[in-house]
């Protein structure tokens, strides 16, 4: 059977098949039973009896367990349903999130008031005074001089919505084409004439669109987080977000010079592993860190020019539940530089605390609110966080136990005890693939030479829930488009014509696309080109000339698209002008090639 014919037949069966409703209780019971520990029994009883509020609030303390195996099983049981959206709760998750958001907004107001009269603050005494000055100097050394040229060359669009454009329409092309929303503060700093000078092509388009559309500020919304609460984020005006991303990228580049690379999480994970073995490194998590960055603290810590630019880019006001609000916080989640800003502050504080106590500063790292530093510095760091108006999350911070958690890595005495999370209802074949694969990978992590046989029944239960014709077998490391399997289980066909590897079928979910021939698409394609290439210079010159003459003809637009769509470093024929639609996907069966088939080992 040809690949096309097989794919068509398989997709028909995939779409028409309906997963039985009773699969979820049976899978939960089988998985928790296989763990065979007191905590698993507790979770199972709470789930069976509908005590979902108690289940969602279950906590675990590593100090209460005697060895790794005992903790690992209890931890897996506790976390399995901790993010499940199908739990029945008596309270509104949005209300819980907004109440907590408001609590930290009040805390930021109190911090602003304290820093307004800093010399009278009882917390500002002793070693805190020296450390505060050291943090200011450290941040100044990290940031250096503010570069206007870099500021205008580093912007980018975030992947999400803005106050004028919905998330499902939030492509770079759409934003270049339609986005004109900006706050008054940023418009005063960067008016249209400056935008036209910095971005001649886009500036002319903005002028034709009637720029600016003044916005009061950001808009507070909630998104799913876990079983107990949702997460609050603030949707920013589009032009503000464009320049916020520039500031964030600038801070990120400067942190990389100090060994903090926010593009990767490997340093935090590596230090968490070492900390679990030696207990010499603490892993720290902060509660609602992005909502705790008060305006006065940022003004106190950052160099004046950096603060002035960032203050103009942020939203001073916002809309919460339809009501205008003047924010006490400097920025929140949703702002384009919040992640880099909090990483900078926490790294500087952790570094200065470590230096003050004459410890090894190479053990310091920060990735957002995930901070690692020598364990002996934990109390001093906590004291400084309290001074700056942040709260250390004691439940997720570890310095006196064999357990460490940071950036998705979970270690107990150097052993990977990362749990799996059932987040959504099991309602489709793809969701069965994902859950079954998560269980098999967990089984592999629990055994040095294969897969823990205690979890085999749960895995096989999921496999048996779908017809044999839909049981695709794929190698590990290539996504979840089928059930991961060993080579002898899958029996794939070898590639021919001298190609090393194995062919296998898998289900993919590529994004739906649409064609775009607007100026916004052309601007987005141009912005992706390298900074200094002959193609980019030719494109900019051609685009300026054509726009100066008025509307683009079909022939001119086609020629310009051919240049703008060039891949980096090449001068080949352009690809078609397709735009991927956010959040909209389609199912497809692909015949893929695995260069090497990695086995997970037998069930033992």
Foldseek 3Di string as FASTA:
>chain_A
DDPVVLFVVLVVQQVPDWFDPPLVLVLLVLQLVLLPAPLSVVLNVCVVVLVLVCLLPDADDQVVDDDDSRVLSNVQSSFAANFAQPRDDPDDQAVVQVVVLVVLLVLLVVLLVCLVVVVPRPLCDDVLVVLLVQLLVVLCVLQPDDDPVLLLLQFDFDQAAAPVGHNLQRDLLSCLQQAQEFAPLLCVVQPLVNVCVSPVLSSVNSVVNVHHDHDLFWEWDWARDGRRHTHIATHTRGVLQRSLLSLQVSLQVSVVVVVAHLVDDVLLQVLQLVCLQPLFKKKWFWDQLQSNAFLSLCCSRYDPVSSSVLQSSHNQWYADPNDIDGTRHSHHHNRNRSQSVQQSSLQSSQQSLCVVVVHDNSQWYGGRRTTMHTLVSVVVSQSNCVSSSIHIDPSQIDRPASWHDDPQFIDHSSQTSRHDYDNYDDIGLLSLLVVLQRLQVNQLSVDDAFGALSSVVSSVSSQVSRDPSNAWEDFPPPDRQHHDAACVVRVFDADDPPAAFGKGKGKDWFFDKDADLDVSLLVVLLSPEDPDDPLSVVLVVLSVVQVVVPDHDPVSSLVSQQSSQDDYPDNDGGDGRMDGRPPHIDMTMDIDTDNDGDHSHDHD
